[in-house]
């Protein structure tokens, strides 16, 4: 069992930056690939960014490439999402997720993940 707790979401103006964090506990963090997903009001949950268990490989959805950066600190059992140049379209609840992984790859499909946090709300005002 892995417990995930997101933090860092808040109201921010368009063009601003936020850093989300996800604290993990319960199992060996380095065995898990991690991902960030988001769900906007009235929309389905969508992939944002993912990182391999060793943190050597990452992947992003096209809309955030060049603006968001995912990072994984296996020593601190922590996952981060640095979000820059935020726009109102980034408004959503952001979730971190963990997948027990044999392969050292990032995973972009929600159904691939084993554990989910409760989410942290990001609101970007125009």
Foldseek 3Di string as FASTA:
>chain_A
DKAKAKDWADEAAAQAKTKMKIAIDDDQQLQKKKFKWWDDPPGDIFGAKIFFSNRPDMDGDPVQPPFWDWGADSVRRMIMIIGGRDDQVPWTWMKMFIARDPDRYTDGDPVRTDDIYPTGTHGYHD
